[in-house]
Amino acid sequence: MISSESFKQVLIDALNLEDMTPDDIENDAPLFGDDGLGLDSVDSIELVLAIEKEYGVKITDSTLYETIFASVKNLLAYINDNKK
């Protein structure tokens, strides 16, 4: 099981969020939009690639993207549920 703290560090490293620490990222905060991390479409591609590389988890069902990428908590749950 991947911890929230280690996953947040992967997010920070993969997306070059240089001024952030895992403590700065709330589990329920949205990943996209102005209310959360403020990620954009380019960030989403980088994030998908980082998840595949780091955890071996592929996100293939695009109909689930909105739910999976809604928050750190949702994305981490998906990774933990689908990790090999």
C-alpha atoms as a PDB file:
ATOM      1  CA  MET A   1       0.000   0.000   0.000  1.00  0.00           C
ATOM      2  CA  ILE A   2       1.402   3.358  -1.061  1.00  0.00           C
ATOM      3  CA  SER A   3       1.299   6.024   1.619  1.00  0.00           C
ATOM      4  CA  SER A   4      -0.163   9.429   1.017  1.00  0.00           C
ATOM      5  CA  GLU A   5       3.120  11.123   1.901  1.00  0.00           C
ATOM      6  CA  SER A   6       5.223   9.095  -0.546  1.00  0.00           C
ATOM      7  CA  PHE A   7       2.662   9.565  -3.310  1.00  0.00           C
ATOM      8  CA  LYS A   8       2.590  13.313  -2.753  1.00  0.00           C
ATOM      9  CA  GLN A   9       6.374  13.360  -3.087  1.00  0.00           C
ATOM     10  CA  VAL A  10       6.074  11.548  -6.429  1.00  0.00           C
ATOM     11  CA  LEU A  11       3.566  14.220  -7.522  1.00  0.00           C
ATOM     12  CA  ILE A  12       5.943  16.986  -6.493  1.00  0.00           C
ATOM     13  CA  ASP A  13       8.900  15.401  -8.283  1.00  0.00           C
ATOM     14  CA  ALA A  14       7.028  14.432 -11.452  1.00  0.00           C
ATOM     15  CA  LEU A  15       5.365  17.822 -11.869  1.00  0.00           C
ATOM     16  CA  ASN A  16       8.314  19.933 -10.687  1.00  0.00           C
ATOM     17  CA  LEU A  17       6.296  21.551  -7.900  1.00  0.00           C
ATOM     18  CA  GLU A  18       9.507  22.950  -6.446  1.00  0.00           C
ATOM     19  CA  ASP A  19       8.035  25.184  -3.766  1.00  0.00           C
ATOM     20  CA  MET A  20       5.791  22.485  -2.279  1.00  0.00           C
ATOM     21  CA  THR A  21       6.183  19.787   0.314  1.00  0.00           C
ATOM     22  CA  PRO A  22       3.875  16.794   0.890  1.00  0.00           C
ATOM     23  CA  ASP A  23       2.394  18.663   3.863  1.00  0.00           C
ATOM     24  CA  ASP A  24       1.289  21.475   1.530  1.00  0.00           C
ATOM     25  CA  ILE A  25      -0.961  19.133  -0.464  1.00  0.00           C
ATOM     26  CA  GLU A  26      -4.344  18.308   1.042  1.00  0.00           C
ATOM     27  CA  ASN A  27      -5.723  14.834   0.343  1.00  0.00           C
ATOM     28  CA  ASP A  28      -9.153  16.142  -0.666  1.00  0.00           C
ATOM     29  CA  ALA A  29      -7.990  19.160  -2.650  1.00  0.00           C
ATOM     30  CA  PRO A  30      -8.778  19.059  -6.365  1.00  0.00           C
ATOM     31  CA  LEU A  31      -5.813  18.322  -8.618  1.00  0.00           C
ATOM     32  CA  PHE A  32      -7.087  20.575 -11.403  1.00  0.00           C
ATOM     33  CA  GLY A  33      -8.548  24.072 -11.316  1.00  0.00           C
ATOM     34  CA  ASP A  34      -7.905  27.089  -9.176  1.00  0.00           C
ATOM     35  CA  ASP A  35      -9.067  25.542  -5.889  1.00  0.00           C
ATOM     36  CA  GLY A  36      -6.409  22.838  -5.679  1.00  0.00           C
ATOM     37  CA  LEU A  37      -3.001  22.210  -7.158  1.00  0.00           C
ATOM     38  CA  GLY A  38      -3.985  24.037 -10.331  1.00  0.00           C
ATOM     39  CA  LEU A  39      -2.757  21.360 -12.707  1.00  0.00           C
ATOM     40  CA  ASP A  40      -3.484  21.648 -16.421  1.00  0.00           C
ATOM     41  CA  SER A  41      -3.772  19.230 -19.355  1.00  0.00           C
ATOM     42  CA  VAL A  42      -0.001  19.029 -19.880  1.00  0.00           C
ATOM     43  CA  ASP A  43       0.409  18.197 -16.191  1.00  0.00           C
ATOM     44  CA  SER A  44      -2.177  15.430 -16.543  1.00  0.00           C
ATOM     45  CA  ILE A  45      -0.122  13.757 -19.272  1.00  0.00           C
ATOM     46  CA  GLU A  46       3.030  13.988 -17.169  1.00  0.00           C
ATOM     47  CA  LEU A  47       1.146  12.634 -14.168  1.00  0.00           C
ATOM     48  CA  VAL A  48      -0.227   9.631 -16.084  1.00  0.00           C
ATOM     49  CA  LEU A  49       3.267   8.818 -17.351  1.00  0.00           C
ATOM     50  CA  ALA A  50       4.756   9.155 -13.852  1.00  0.00           C
ATOM     51  CA  ILE A  51       2.102   6.829 -12.391  1.00  0.00           C
ATOM     52  CA  GLU A  52       2.787   4.224 -15.074  1.00  0.00           C
ATOM     53  CA  LYS A  53       6.548   4.456 -14.548  1.00  0.00           C
ATOM     54  CA  GLU A  54       6.547   4.602 -10.740  1.00  0.00           C
ATOM     55  CA  TYR A  55       3.735   2.177  -9.932  1.00  0.00           C
ATOM     56  CA  GLY A  56       3.068   0.186 -13.116  1.00  0.00           C
ATOM     57  CA  VAL A  57      -0.561   1.334 -13.106  1.00  0.00           C
ATOM     58  CA  LYS A  58      -2.217   2.281 -16.384  1.00  0.00           C
ATOM     59  CA  ILE A  59      -5.335   4.405 -16.496  1.00  0.00           C
ATOM     60  CA  THR A  60      -7.061   3.203 -19.637  1.00  0.00           C
ATOM     61  CA  ASP A  61     -10.738   4.019 -19.094  1.00  0.00           C
ATOM     62  CA  SER A  62     -11.090   7.683 -20.028  1.00  0.00           C
ATOM     63  CA  THR A  63     -14.671   7.741 -18.720  1.00  0.00           C
ATOM     64  CA  LEU A  64     -13.229   7.412 -15.210  1.00  0.00           C
ATOM     65  CA  TYR A  65     -10.663  10.231 -15.534  1.00  0.00           C
ATOM     66  CA  GLU A  66     -12.847  12.860 -13.900  1.00  0.00           C
ATOM     67  CA  THR A  67     -13.423  10.663 -10.849  1.00  0.00           C
ATOM     68  CA  ILE A  68      -9.890   9.279 -10.591  1.00  0.00           C
ATOM     69  CA  PHE A  69      -8.229  12.677 -10.952  1.00  0.00           C
ATOM     70  CA  ALA A  70     -10.691  14.534  -8.725  1.00  0.00           C
ATOM     71  CA  SER A  71      -8.278  14.580  -5.779  1.00  0.00           C
ATOM     72  CA  VAL A  72      -5.061  13.129  -4.404  1.00  0.00           C
ATOM     73  CA  LYS A  73      -7.174  10.769  -2.300  1.00  0.00           C
ATOM     74  CA  ASN A  74      -9.086   9.413  -5.312  1.00  0.00           C
ATOM     75  CA  LEU A  75      -5.973   9.009  -7.431  1.00  0.00           C
ATOM     76  CA  LEU A  76      -4.079   7.278  -4.647  1.00  0.00           C
ATOM     77  CA  ALA A  77      -7.012   4.919  -4.024  1.00  0.00           C
ATOM     78  CA  TYR A  78      -7.100   4.021  -7.715  1.00  0.00           C
ATOM     79  CA  ILE A  79      -3.351   3.335  -7.757  1.00  0.00           C
ATOM     80  CA  ASN A  80      -3.506   1.205  -4.610  1.00  0.00           C
ATOM     81  CA  ASP A  81      -6.490  -0.759  -5.967  1.00  0.00           C
ATOM     82  CA  ASN A  82      -4.780  -1.409  -9.323  1.00  0.00           C
ATOM     83  CA  LYS A  83      -1.127  -1.782  -8.367  1.00  0.00           C
ATOM     84  CA  LYS A  84       0.394  -5.094  -9.403  1.00  0.00           C
END
